[in-house]
Full PDB file with SEQRES, HELIX, SHEET, SSBOND, CRYST1, ORIGX, SCALE, CONECT and MASTER records, all heavy atoms in Angstrom:
SEQRES   1 A   39  GLU SER LEU GLU LEU MET PRO ARG GLY TRP HIS MET ALA          
SEQRES   2 A   39  ASP GLY LEU LYS HIS ALA LEU PRO ASP ASN TYR GLU GLN          
SEQRES   3 A   39  ALA VAL ASP ILE LEU LEU GLU SER LEU PRO PRO PRO ARG          
HELIX    1 AA1 LEU A    5  ALA A   19  1                                  15    
HELIX    2 AA2 TYR A   24  GLU A   33  1                                  10    
CRYST1    1.000    1.000    1.000  90.00  90.00  90.00 P 1           1          
ORIGX1      1.000000  0.000000  0.000000        0.00000                         
ORIGX2      0.000000  1.000000  0.000000        0.00000                         
ORIGX3      0.000000  0.000000  1.000000        0.00000                         
SCALE1      1.000000  0.000000  0.000000        0.00000                         
SCALE2      0.000000  1.000000  0.000000        0.00000                         
SCALE3      0.000000  0.000000  1.000000        0.00000                         
ATOM      1  N   GLU A   1     -12.073   0.437 -11.920  1.00  0.00           N  
ATOM      2  CA  GLU A   1     -12.384   1.305 -13.066  1.00  0.00           C  
ATOM      3  C   GLU A   1     -13.469   2.324 -12.749  1.00  0.00           C  
ATOM      4  O   GLU A   1     -13.531   3.383 -13.382  1.00  0.00           O  
ATOM      5  CB  GLU A   1     -12.813   0.451 -14.263  1.00  0.00           C  
ATOM      6  CG  GLU A   1     -11.721  -0.449 -14.826  1.00  0.00           C  
ATOM      7  CD  GLU A   1     -10.765   0.300 -15.751  1.00  0.00           C  
ATOM      8  OE1 GLU A   1     -10.777   1.548 -15.730  1.00  0.00           O  
ATOM      9  OE2 GLU A   1     -10.021  -0.366 -16.475  1.00  0.00           O  
ATOM     10  N   SER A   2     -14.307   2.054 -11.769  1.00  0.00           N  
ATOM     11  CA  SER A   2     -15.404   2.972 -11.447  1.00  0.00           C  
ATOM     12  C   SER A   2     -14.960   4.134 -10.568  1.00  0.00           C  
ATOM     13  O   SER A   2     -15.731   5.074 -10.348  1.00  0.00           O  
ATOM     14  CB  SER A   2     -16.525   2.216 -10.732  1.00  0.00           C  
ATOM     15  OG  SER A   2     -16.091   1.739  -9.461  1.00  0.00           O  
ATOM     16  N   LEU A   3     -13.726   4.089 -10.062  1.00  0.00           N  
ATOM     17  CA  LEU A   3     -13.258   5.075  -9.096  1.00  0.00           C  
ATOM     18  C   LEU A   3     -12.487   6.208  -9.757  1.00  0.00           C  
ATOM     19  O   LEU A   3     -11.864   6.024 -10.801  1.00  0.00           O  
ATOM     20  CB  LEU A   3     -12.360   4.401  -8.054  1.00  0.00           C  
ATOM     21  CG  LEU A   3     -12.999   3.270  -7.235  1.00  0.00           C  
ATOM     22  CD1 LEU A   3     -11.959   2.598  -6.357  1.00  0.00           C  
ATOM     23  CD2 LEU A   3     -14.154   3.814  -6.386  1.00  0.00           C  
ATOM     24  N   GLU A   4     -12.513   7.386  -9.134  1.00  0.00           N  
ATOM     25  CA  GLU A   4     -11.698   8.516  -9.561  1.00  0.00           C  
ATOM     26  C   GLU A   4     -10.274   8.333  -9.041  1.00  0.00           C  
ATOM     27  O   GLU A   4      -9.965   7.349  -8.361  1.00  0.00           O  
ATOM     28  CB  GLU A   4     -12.302   9.829  -9.075  1.00  0.00           C  
ATOM     29  CG  GLU A   4     -13.687  10.125  -9.639  1.00  0.00           C  
ATOM     30  CD  GLU A   4     -13.680  10.209 -11.156  1.00  0.00           C  
ATOM     31  OE1 GLU A   4     -12.747  10.823 -11.724  1.00  0.00           O  
ATOM     32  OE2 GLU A   4     -14.597   9.645 -11.785  1.00  0.00           O  
ATOM     33  N   LEU A   5      -9.413   9.308  -9.342  1.00  0.00           N  
ATOM     34  CA  LEU A   5      -7.984   9.147  -9.052  1.00  0.00           C  
ATOM     35  C   LEU A   5      -7.700   8.909  -7.572  1.00  0.00           C  
ATOM     36  O   LEU A   5      -7.113   7.878  -7.207  1.00  0.00           O  
ATOM     37  CB  LEU A   5      -7.225  10.381  -9.535  1.00  0.00           C  
ATOM     38  CG  LEU A   5      -5.718  10.392  -9.221  1.00  0.00           C  
ATOM     39  CD1 LEU A   5      -5.010   9.241  -9.926  1.00  0.00           C  
ATOM     40  CD2 LEU A   5      -5.113  11.728  -9.612  1.00  0.00           C  
ATOM     41  N   MET A   6      -8.069   9.842  -6.710  1.00  0.00           N  
ATOM     42  CA  MET A   6      -7.737   9.710  -5.289  1.00  0.00           C  
ATOM     43  C   MET A   6      -8.424   8.497  -4.653  1.00  0.00           C  
ATOM     44  O   MET A   6      -7.793   7.758  -3.891  1.00  0.00           O  
ATOM     45  CB  MET A   6      -8.086  11.001  -4.542  1.00  0.00           C  
ATOM     46  CG  MET A   6      -7.313  12.223  -5.017  1.00  0.00           C  
ATOM     47  SD  MET A   6      -5.549  12.134  -4.626  1.00  0.00           S  
ATOM     48  CE  MET A   6      -5.556  12.937  -3.018  1.00  0.00           C  
ATOM     49  N   PRO A   7      -9.707   8.253  -4.945  1.00  0.00           N  
ATOM     50  CA  PRO A   7     -10.310   7.035  -4.406  1.00  0.00           C  
ATOM     51  C   PRO A   7      -9.602   5.758  -4.848  1.00  0.00           C  
ATOM     52  O   PRO A   7      -9.589   4.759  -4.112  1.00  0.00           O  
ATOM     53  CB  PRO A   7     -11.745   7.086  -4.946  1.00  0.00           C  
ATOM     54  CG  PRO A   7     -12.026   8.547  -5.077  1.00  0.00           C  
ATOM     55  CD  PRO A   7     -10.733   9.139  -5.552  1.00  0.00           C  
ATOM     56  N   ARG A   8      -8.992   5.746  -6.038  1.00  0.00           N  
ATOM     57  CA  ARG A   8      -8.213   4.576  -6.439  1.00  0.00           C  
ATOM     58  C   ARG A   8      -7.029   4.370  -5.489  1.00  0.00           C  
ATOM     59  O   ARG A   8      -6.688   3.233  -5.136  1.00  0.00           O  
ATOM     60  CB  ARG A   8      -7.725   4.740  -7.879  1.00  0.00           C  
ATOM     61  CG  ARG A   8      -8.831   4.632  -8.900  1.00  0.00           C  
ATOM     62  CD  ARG A   8      -8.350   4.739 -10.347  1.00  0.00           C  
ATOM     63  NE  ARG A   8      -9.491   4.656 -11.265  1.00  0.00           N  
ATOM     64  CZ  ARG A   8      -9.400   4.545 -12.570  1.00  0.00           C  
ATOM     65  NH1 ARG A   8      -8.208   4.526 -13.159  1.00  0.00           N  
ATOM     66  NH2 ARG A   8     -10.489   4.471 -13.325  1.00  0.00           N  
ATOM     67  N   GLY A   9      -6.404   5.483  -5.070  1.00  0.00           N  
ATOM     68  CA  GLY A   9      -5.305   5.365  -4.121  1.00  0.00           C  
ATOM     69  C   GLY A   9      -5.754   4.809  -2.787  1.00  0.00           C  
ATOM     70  O   GLY A   9      -5.100   3.919  -2.216  1.00  0.00           O  
ATOM     71  N   TRP A  10      -6.868   5.308  -2.270  1.00  0.00           N  
ATOM     72  CA  TRP A  10      -7.375   4.808  -0.993  1.00  0.00           C  
ATOM     73  C   TRP A  10      -7.811   3.345  -1.097  1.00  0.00           C  
ATOM     74  O   TRP A  10      -7.601   2.554  -0.168  1.00  0.00           O  
ATOM     75  CB  TRP A  10      -8.553   5.667  -0.525  1.00  0.00           C  
ATOM     76  CG  TRP A  10      -8.155   7.012  -0.020  1.00  0.00           C  
ATOM     77  CD1 TRP A  10      -8.378   8.217  -0.619  1.00  0.00           C  
ATOM     78  CD2 TRP A  10      -7.441   7.301   1.184  1.00  0.00           C  
ATOM     79  NE1 TRP A  10      -7.853   9.235   0.135  1.00  0.00           N  
ATOM     80  CE2 TRP A  10      -7.278   8.707   1.257  1.00  0.00           C  
ATOM     81  CE3 TRP A  10      -6.933   6.508   2.212  1.00  0.00           C  
ATOM     82  CZ2 TRP A  10      -6.630   9.338   2.316  1.00  0.00           C  
ATOM     83  CZ3 TRP A  10      -6.282   7.135   3.265  1.00  0.00           C  
ATOM     84  CH2 TRP A  10      -6.131   8.529   3.317  1.00  0.00           C  
ATOM     85  N   HIS A  11      -8.412   2.993  -2.217  1.00  0.00           N  
ATOM     86  CA  HIS A  11      -8.850   1.609  -2.419  1.00  0.00           C  
ATOM     87  C   HIS A  11      -7.656   0.658  -2.441  1.00  0.00           C  
ATOM     88  O   HIS A  11      -7.700  -0.423  -1.837  1.00  0.00           O  
ATOM     89  CB  HIS A  11      -9.636   1.531  -3.732  1.00  0.00           C  
ATOM     90  CG  HIS A  11     -10.231   0.191  -4.015  1.00  0.00           C  
ATOM     91  ND1 HIS A  11     -11.052  -0.478  -3.123  1.00  0.00           N  
ATOM     92  CD2 HIS A  11     -10.131  -0.626  -5.114  1.00  0.00           C  
ATOM     93  CE1 HIS A  11     -11.431  -1.633  -3.643  1.00  0.00           C  
ATOM     94  NE2 HIS A  11     -10.879  -1.747  -4.847  1.00  0.00           N  
ATOM     95  N   MET A  12      -6.579   1.069  -3.074  1.00  0.00           N  
ATOM     96  CA  MET A  12      -5.386   0.218  -3.079  1.00  0.00           C  
ATOM     97  C   MET A  12      -4.734   0.166  -1.706  1.00  0.00           C  
ATOM     98  O   MET A  12      -4.130  -0.851  -1.336  1.00  0.00           O  
ATOM     99  CB  MET A  12      -4.396   0.704  -4.133  1.00  0.00           C  
ATOM    100  CG  MET A  12      -4.759   0.255  -5.541  1.00  0.00           C  
ATOM    101  SD  MET A  12      -3.442   0.560  -6.743  1.00  0.00           S  
ATOM    102  CE  MET A  12      -3.680   2.307  -7.018  1.00  0.00           C  
ATOM    103  N   ALA A  13      -4.835   1.257  -0.930  1.00  0.00           N  
ATOM    104  CA  ALA A  13      -4.329   1.209   0.445  1.00  0.00           C  
ATOM    105  C   ALA A  13      -5.064   0.144   1.245  1.00  0.00           C  
ATOM    106  O   ALA A  13      -4.452  -0.621   2.011  1.00  0.00           O  
ATOM    107  CB  ALA A  13      -4.493   2.574   1.104  1.00  0.00           C  
ATOM    108  N   ASP A  14      -6.379   0.050   1.051  1.00  0.00           N  
ATOM    109  CA  ASP A  14      -7.145  -1.009   1.722  1.00  0.00           C  
ATOM    110  C   ASP A  14      -6.745  -2.382   1.201  1.00  0.00           C  
ATOM    111  O   ASP A  14      -6.714  -3.359   1.953  1.00  0.00           O  
ATOM    112  CB  ASP A  14      -8.638  -0.776   1.521  1.00  0.00           C  
ATOM    113  CG  ASP A  14      -9.137   0.474   2.228  1.00  0.00           C  
ATOM    114  OD1 ASP A  14      -8.483   0.911   3.204  1.00  0.00           O  
ATOM    115  OD2 ASP A  14     -10.177   1.022   1.807  1.00  0.00           O  
ATOM    116  N   GLY A  15      -6.427  -2.454  -0.092  1.00  0.00           N  
ATOM    117  CA  GLY A  15      -5.957  -3.718  -0.648  1.00  0.00           C  
ATOM    118  C   GLY A  15      -4.622  -4.144  -0.052  1.00  0.00           C  
ATOM    119  O   GLY A  15      -4.390  -5.342   0.187  1.00  0.00           O  
ATOM    120  N   LEU A  16      -3.736  -3.186   0.196  1.00  0.00           N  
ATOM    121  CA  LEU A  16      -2.465  -3.502   0.852  1.00  0.00           C  
ATOM    122  C   LEU A  16      -2.713  -4.041   2.253  1.00  0.00           C  
ATOM    123  O   LEU A  16      -2.079  -5.014   2.686  1.00  0.00           O  
ATOM    124  CB  LEU A  16      -1.582  -2.256   0.904  1.00  0.00           C  
ATOM    125  CG  LEU A  16      -1.023  -1.760  -0.429  1.00  0.00           C  
ATOM    126  CD1 LEU A  16      -0.322  -0.417  -0.258  1.00  0.00           C  
ATOM    127  CD2 LEU A  16      -0.065  -2.789  -1.037  1.00  0.00           C  
ATOM    128  N   LYS A  17      -3.617  -3.420   2.965  1.00  0.00           N  
ATOM    129  CA  LYS A  17      -3.961  -3.904   4.302  1.00  0.00           C  
ATOM    130  C   LYS A  17      -4.482  -5.335   4.242  1.00  0.00           C  
ATOM    131  O   LYS A  17      -4.174  -6.170   5.106  1.00  0.00           O  
ATOM    132  CB  LYS A  17      -5.025  -2.983   4.911  1.00  0.00           C  
ATOM    133  CG  LYS A  17      -5.588  -3.448   6.244  1.00  0.00           C  
ATOM    134  CD  LYS A  17      -4.548  -3.458   7.334  1.00  0.00           C  
ATOM    135  CE  LYS A  17      -5.188  -3.796   8.683  1.00  0.00           C  
ATOM    136  NZ  LYS A  17      -4.181  -3.938   9.760  1.00  0.00           N  
ATOM    137  N   HIS A  18      -5.229  -5.620   3.191  1.00  0.00           N  
ATOM    138  CA  HIS A  18      -5.822  -6.946   3.018  1.00  0.00           C  
ATOM    139  C   HIS A  18      -4.763  -8.015   2.752  1.00  0.00           C  
ATOM    140  O   HIS A  18      -4.928  -9.177   3.163  1.00  0.00           O  
ATOM    141  CB  HIS A  18      -6.823  -6.880   1.854  1.00  0.00           C  
ATOM    142  CG  HIS A  18      -7.662  -8.083   1.668  1.00  0.00           C  
ATOM    143  ND1 HIS A  18      -8.583  -8.509   2.600  1.00  0.00           N  
ATOM    144  CD2 HIS A  18      -7.731  -8.974   0.639  1.00  0.00           C  
ATOM    145  CE1 HIS A  18      -9.179  -9.597   2.160  1.00  0.00           C  
ATOM    146  NE2 HIS A  18      -8.689  -9.906   0.976  1.00  0.00           N  
ATOM    147  N   ALA A  19      -3.679  -7.639   2.074  1.00  0.00           N  
ATOM    148  CA  ALA A  19      -2.703  -8.632   1.612  1.00  0.00           C  
ATOM    149  C   ALA A  19      -1.399  -8.657   2.401  1.00  0.00           C  
ATOM    150  O   ALA A  19      -0.647  -9.623   2.316  1.00  0.00           O  
ATOM    151  CB  ALA A  19      -2.389  -8.388   0.138  1.00  0.00           C  
ATOM    152  N   LEU A  20      -1.099  -7.598   3.142  1.00  0.00           N  
ATOM    153  CA  LEU A  20       0.128  -7.548   3.942  1.00  0.00           C  
ATOM    154  C   LEU A  20      -0.095  -8.175   5.316  1.00  0.00           C  
ATOM    155  O   LEU A  20      -1.247  -8.408   5.717  1.00  0.00           O  
ATOM    156  CB  LEU A  20       0.569  -6.086   4.106  1.00  0.00           C  
ATOM    157  CG  LEU A  20       1.192  -5.418   2.881  1.00  0.00           C  
ATOM    158  CD1 LEU A  20       1.256  -3.898   3.078  1.00  0.00           C  
ATOM    159  CD2 LEU A  20       2.579  -5.987   2.595  1.00  0.00           C  
ATOM    160  N   PRO A  21       0.972  -8.419   6.058  1.00  0.00           N  
ATOM    161  CA  PRO A  21       0.810  -8.957   7.422  1.00  0.00           C  
ATOM    162  C   PRO A  21      -0.046  -8.034   8.289  1.00  0.00           C  
ATOM    163  O   PRO A  21      -0.050  -6.813   8.105  1.00  0.00           O  
ATOM    164  CB  PRO A  21       2.249  -9.020   7.946  1.00  0.00           C  
ATOM    165  CG  PRO A  21       3.098  -9.135   6.734  1.00  0.00           C  
ATOM    166  CD  PRO A  21       2.398  -8.343   5.672  1.00  0.00           C  
ATOM    167  N   ASP A  22      -0.751  -8.616   9.247  1.00  0.00           N  
ATOM    168  CA  ASP A  22      -1.589  -7.829  10.128  1.00  0.00           C  
ATOM    169  C   ASP A  22      -0.775  -6.872  10.990  1.00  0.00           C  
ATOM    170  O   ASP A  22      -1.266  -5.803  11.361  1.00  0.00           O  
ATOM    171  CB  ASP A  22      -2.422  -8.737  11.031  1.00  0.00           C  
ATOM    172  CG  ASP A  22      -3.514  -9.481  10.261  1.00  0.00           C  
ATOM    173  OD1 ASP A  22      -3.927  -8.970   9.196  1.00  0.00           O  
ATOM    174  OD2 ASP A  22      -3.944 -10.548  10.715  1.00  0.00           O  
ATOM    175  N   ASN A  23       0.445  -7.260  11.306  1.00  0.00           N  
ATOM    176  CA  ASN A  23       1.316  -6.411  12.107  1.00  0.00           C  
ATOM    177  C   ASN A  23       1.742  -5.194  11.283  1.00  0.00           C  
ATOM    178  O   ASN A  23       2.435  -5.323  10.274  1.00  0.00           O  
ATOM    179  CB  ASN A  23       2.543  -7.208  12.571  1.00  0.00           C  
ATOM    180  CG  ASN A  23       3.447  -6.381  13.472  1.00  0.00           C  
ATOM    181  OD1 ASN A  23       4.092  -5.440  13.029  1.00  0.00           O  
ATOM    182  ND2 ASN A  23       3.489  -6.756  14.742  1.00  0.00           N  
ATOM    183  N   TYR A  24       1.311  -4.003  11.717  1.00  0.00           N  
ATOM    184  CA  TYR A  24       1.546  -2.804  10.921  1.00  0.00           C  
ATOM    185  C   TYR A  24       3.021  -2.554  10.672  1.00  0.00           C  
ATOM    186  O   TYR A  24       3.430  -2.224   9.549  1.00  0.00           O  
ATOM    187  CB  TYR A  24       0.919  -1.593  11.615  1.00  0.00           C  
ATOM    188  CG  TYR A  24       1.241  -0.275  10.939  1.00  0.00           C  
ATOM    189  CD1 TYR A  24       0.541   0.136   9.800  1.00  0.00           C  
ATOM    190  CD2 TYR A  24       2.259   0.555  11.425  1.00  0.00           C  
ATOM    191  CE1 TYR A  24       0.850   1.332   9.171  1.00  0.00           C  
ATOM    192  CE2 TYR A  24       2.565   1.751  10.792  1.00  0.00           C  
ATOM    193  CZ  TYR A  24       1.859   2.135   9.668  1.00  0.00           C  
ATOM    194  OH  TYR A  24       2.173   3.317   9.036  1.00  0.00           O  
ATOM    195  N   GLU A  25       3.849  -2.683  11.681  1.00  0.00           N  
ATOM    196  CA  GLU A  25       5.261  -2.370  11.518  1.00  0.00           C  
ATOM    197  C   GLU A  25       5.943  -3.347  10.576  1.00  0.00           C  
ATOM    198  O   GLU A  25       6.829  -2.959   9.794  1.00  0.00           O  
ATOM    199  CB  GLU A  25       5.943  -2.313  12.882  1.00  0.00           C  
ATOM    200  CG  GLU A  25       5.362  -1.187  13.749  1.00  0.00           C  
ATOM    201  CD  GLU A  25       6.195  -0.865  14.971  1.00  0.00           C  
ATOM    202  OE1 GLU A  25       7.324  -1.378  15.076  1.00  0.00           O  
ATOM    203  OE2 GLU A  25       5.718  -0.083  15.810  1.00  0.00           O  
ATOM    204  N   GLN A  26       5.538  -4.600  10.598  1.00  0.00           N  
ATOM    205  CA  GLN A  26       6.055  -5.554   9.615  1.00  0.00           C  
ATOM    206  C   GLN A  26       5.603  -5.163   8.206  1.00  0.00           C  
ATOM    207  O   GLN A  26       6.390  -5.238   7.247  1.00  0.00           O  
ATOM    208  CB  GLN A  26       5.575  -6.965   9.953  1.00  0.00           C  
ATOM    209  CG  GLN A  26       6.210  -7.560  11.193  1.00  0.00           C  
ATOM    210  CD  GLN A  26       5.697  -8.966  11.469  1.00  0.00           C  
ATOM    211  OE1 GLN A  26       4.999  -9.570  10.641  1.00  0.00           O  
ATOM    212  NE2 GLN A  26       6.030  -9.500  12.644  1.00  0.00           N  
ATOM    213  N   ALA A  27       4.350  -4.753   8.093  1.00  0.00           N  
ATOM    214  CA  ALA A  27       3.825  -4.360   6.784  1.00  0.00           C  
ATOM    215  C   ALA A  27       4.590  -3.154   6.239  1.00  0.00           C  
ATOM    216  O   ALA A  27       4.939  -3.117   5.045  1.00  0.00           O  
ATOM    217  CB  ALA A  27       2.332  -4.048   6.907  1.00  0.00           C  
ATOM    218  N   VAL A  28       4.863  -2.168   7.084  1.00  0.00           N  
ATOM    219  CA  VAL A  28       5.611  -0.992   6.647  1.00  0.00           C  
ATOM    220  C   VAL A  28       7.013  -1.371   6.199  1.00  0.00           C  
ATOM    221  O   VAL A  28       7.519  -0.873   5.181  1.00  0.00           O  
ATOM    222  CB  VAL A  28       5.660   0.062   7.773  1.00  0.00           C  
ATOM    223  CG1 VAL A  28       6.785   1.073   7.534  1.00  0.00           C  
ATOM    224  CG2 VAL A  28       4.328   0.803   7.855  1.00  0.00           C  
ATOM    225  N   ASP A  29       7.659  -2.265   6.944  1.00  0.00           N  
ATOM    226  CA  ASP A  29       9.004  -2.706   6.552  1.00  0.00           C  
ATOM    227  C   ASP A  29       8.999  -3.316   5.153  1.00  0.00           C  
ATOM    228  O   ASP A  29       9.913  -3.080   4.350  1.00  0.00           O  
ATOM    229  CB  ASP A  29       9.548  -3.724   7.561  1.00  0.00           C  
ATOM    230  CG  ASP A  29       9.974  -3.071   8.869  1.00  0.00           C  
ATOM    231  OD1 ASP A  29      10.192  -1.850   8.870  1.00  0.00           O  
ATOM    232  OD2 ASP A  29      10.079  -3.795   9.877  1.00  0.00           O  
ATOM    233  N   ILE A  30       7.978  -4.088   4.863  1.00  0.00           N  
ATOM    234  CA  ILE A  30       7.879  -4.728   3.545  1.00  0.00           C  
ATOM    235  C   ILE A  30       7.689  -3.662   2.463  1.00  0.00           C  
ATOM    236  O   ILE A  30       8.342  -3.690   1.411  1.00  0.00           O  
ATOM    237  CB  ILE A  30       6.723  -5.742   3.531  1.00  0.00           C  
ATOM    238  CG1 ILE A  30       7.063  -6.939   4.430  1.00  0.00           C  
ATOM    239  CG2 ILE A  30       6.427  -6.216   2.108  1.00  0.00           C  
ATOM    240  CD1 ILE A  30       5.893  -7.861   4.696  1.00  0.00           C  
ATOM    241  N   LEU A  31       6.797  -2.703   2.701  1.00  0.00           N  
ATOM    242  CA  LEU A  31       6.561  -1.646   1.721  1.00  0.00           C  
ATOM    243  C   LEU A  31       7.839  -0.849   1.452  1.00  0.00           C  
ATOM    244  O   LEU A  31       8.170  -0.564   0.292  1.00  0.00           O  
ATOM    245  CB  LEU A  31       5.455  -0.704   2.203  1.00  0.00           C  
ATOM    246  CG  LEU A  31       4.024  -1.250   2.187  1.00  0.00           C  
ATOM    247  CD1 LEU A  31       3.055  -0.185   2.707  1.00  0.00           C  
ATOM    248  CD2 LEU A  31       3.606  -1.693   0.794  1.00  0.00           C  
ATOM    249  N   LEU A  32       8.545  -0.500   2.504  1.00  0.00           N  
ATOM    250  CA  LEU A  32       9.755   0.298   2.332  1.00  0.00           C  
ATOM    251  C   LEU A  32      10.846  -0.480   1.623  1.00  0.00           C  
ATOM    252  O   LEU A  32      11.611   0.078   0.827  1.00  0.00           O  
ATOM    253  CB  LEU A  32      10.253   0.803   3.684  1.00  0.00           C  
ATOM    254  CG  LEU A  32       9.304   1.749   4.441  1.00  0.00           C  
ATOM    255  CD1 LEU A  32       9.997   2.307   5.678  1.00  0.00           C  
ATOM    256  CD2 LEU A  32       8.831   2.893   3.550  1.00  0.00           C  
ATOM    257  N   GLU A  33      10.916  -1.753   1.884  1.00  0.00           N  
ATOM    258  CA  GLU A  33      11.934  -2.579   1.234  1.00  0.00           C  
ATOM    259  C   GLU A  33      11.676  -2.679  -0.267  1.00  0.00           C  
ATOM    260  O   GLU A  33      12.608  -2.870  -1.057  1.00  0.00           O  
ATOM    261  CB  GLU A  33      11.962  -3.974   1.856  1.00  0.00           C  
ATOM    262  CG  GLU A  33      13.139  -4.829   1.422  1.00  0.00           C  
ATOM    263  CD  GLU A  33      13.150  -6.196   2.081  1.00  0.00           C  
ATOM    264  OE1 GLU A  33      12.388  -6.391   3.054  1.00  0.00           O  
ATOM    265  OE2 GLU A  33      13.913  -7.067   1.623  1.00  0.00           O  
ATOM    266  N   SER A  34      10.428  -2.515  -0.679  1.00  0.00           N  
ATOM    267  CA  SER A  34      10.080  -2.648  -2.097  1.00  0.00           C  
ATOM    268  C   SER A  34      10.301  -1.366  -2.891  1.00  0.00           C  
ATOM    269  O   SER A  34      10.139  -1.363  -4.117  1.00  0.00           O  
ATOM    270  CB  SER A  34       8.617  -3.084  -2.235  1.00  0.00           C  
ATOM    271  OG  SER A  34       7.724  -2.026  -1.914  1.00  0.00           O  
ATOM    272  N   LEU A  35      10.676  -0.270  -2.225  1.00  0.00           N  
ATOM    273  CA  LEU A  35      10.778   1.015  -2.906  1.00  0.00           C  
ATOM    274  C   LEU A  35      12.045   1.104  -3.766  1.00  0.00           C  
ATOM    275  O   LEU A  35      13.094   0.583  -3.393  1.00  0.00           O  
ATOM    276  CB  LEU A  35      10.798   2.160  -1.884  1.00  0.00           C  
ATOM    277  CG  LEU A  35       9.561   2.332  -1.008  1.00  0.00           C  
ATOM    278  CD1 LEU A  35       9.773   3.487  -0.041  1.00  0.00           C  
ATOM    279  CD2 LEU A  35       8.316   2.557  -1.850  1.00  0.00           C  
ATOM    280  N   PRO A  36      11.965   1.822  -4.882  1.00  0.00           N  
ATOM    281  CA  PRO A  36      13.155   2.109  -5.676  1.00  0.00           C  
ATOM    282  C   PRO A  36      13.947   3.239  -5.031  1.00  0.00           C  
ATOM    283  O   PRO A  36      13.517   3.803  -4.018  1.00  0.00           O  
ATOM    284  CB  PRO A  36      12.567   2.548  -7.023  1.00  0.00           C  
ATOM    285  CG  PRO A  36      11.277   3.201  -6.634  1.00  0.00           C  
ATOM    286  CD  PRO A  36      10.745   2.407  -5.466  1.00  0.00           C  
ATOM    287  N   PRO A  37      15.083   3.640  -5.609  1.00  0.00           N  
ATOM    288  CA  PRO A  37      15.842   4.766  -5.057  1.00  0.00           C  
ATOM    289  C   PRO A  37      15.015   6.052  -5.076  1.00  0.00           C  
ATOM    290  O   PRO A  37      14.064   6.190  -5.847  1.00  0.00           O  
ATOM    291  CB  PRO A  37      17.054   4.873  -5.988  1.00  0.00           C  
ATOM    292  CG  PRO A  37      17.183   3.505  -6.589  1.00  0.00           C  
ATOM    293  CD  PRO A  37      15.787   2.990  -6.726  1.00  0.00           C  
ATOM    294  N   PRO A  38      15.370   7.031  -4.236  1.00  0.00           N  
ATOM    295  CA  PRO A  38      14.632   8.299  -4.191  1.00  0.00           C  
ATOM    296  C   PRO A  38      14.682   9.042  -5.516  1.00  0.00           C  
ATOM    297  O   PRO A  38      15.577   8.837  -6.336  1.00  0.00           O  
ATOM    298  CB  PRO A  38      15.348   9.097  -3.098  1.00  0.00           C  
ATOM    299  CG  PRO A  38      16.041   8.075  -2.260  1.00  0.00           C  
ATOM    300  CD  PRO A  38      16.423   6.968  -3.206  1.00  0.00           C  
ATOM    301  N   ARG A  39      13.702   9.922  -5.711  1.00  0.00           N  
ATOM    302  CA  ARG A  39      13.704  10.811  -6.871  1.00  0.00           C  
ATOM    303  C   ARG A  39      14.883  11.772  -6.790  1.00  0.00           C  
ATOM    304  O   ARG A  39      15.323  12.132  -5.698  1.00  0.00           O  
ATOM    305  CB  ARG A  39      12.414  11.638  -6.909  1.00  0.00           C  
ATOM    306  CG  ARG A  39      11.167  10.883  -7.258  1.00  0.00           C  
ATOM    307  CD  ARG A  39       9.988  11.851  -7.309  1.00  0.00           C  
ATOM    308  NE  ARG A  39       9.695  12.412  -5.991  1.00  0.00           N  
ATOM    309  CZ  ARG A  39       9.008  13.530  -5.773  1.00  0.00           C  
ATOM    310  NH1 ARG A  39       8.569  14.232  -6.810  1.00  0.00           N  
ATOM    311  NH2 ARG A  39       8.769  13.963  -4.559  1.00  0.00           N  
TER     312      ARG A  39                                                      
MASTER        0    0    0    2    0    0    0    6  311    1    0    3          
END                                                                             
């Protein structure tokens, strides 16, 4: 709640790093699999 818009995005990016697998490519696969269809 104390953060502005863009810092909230960066803070959540760090949160994803904290909760996803340490292996970056595995983490990316998980993120992409969770996406809805394109706009």
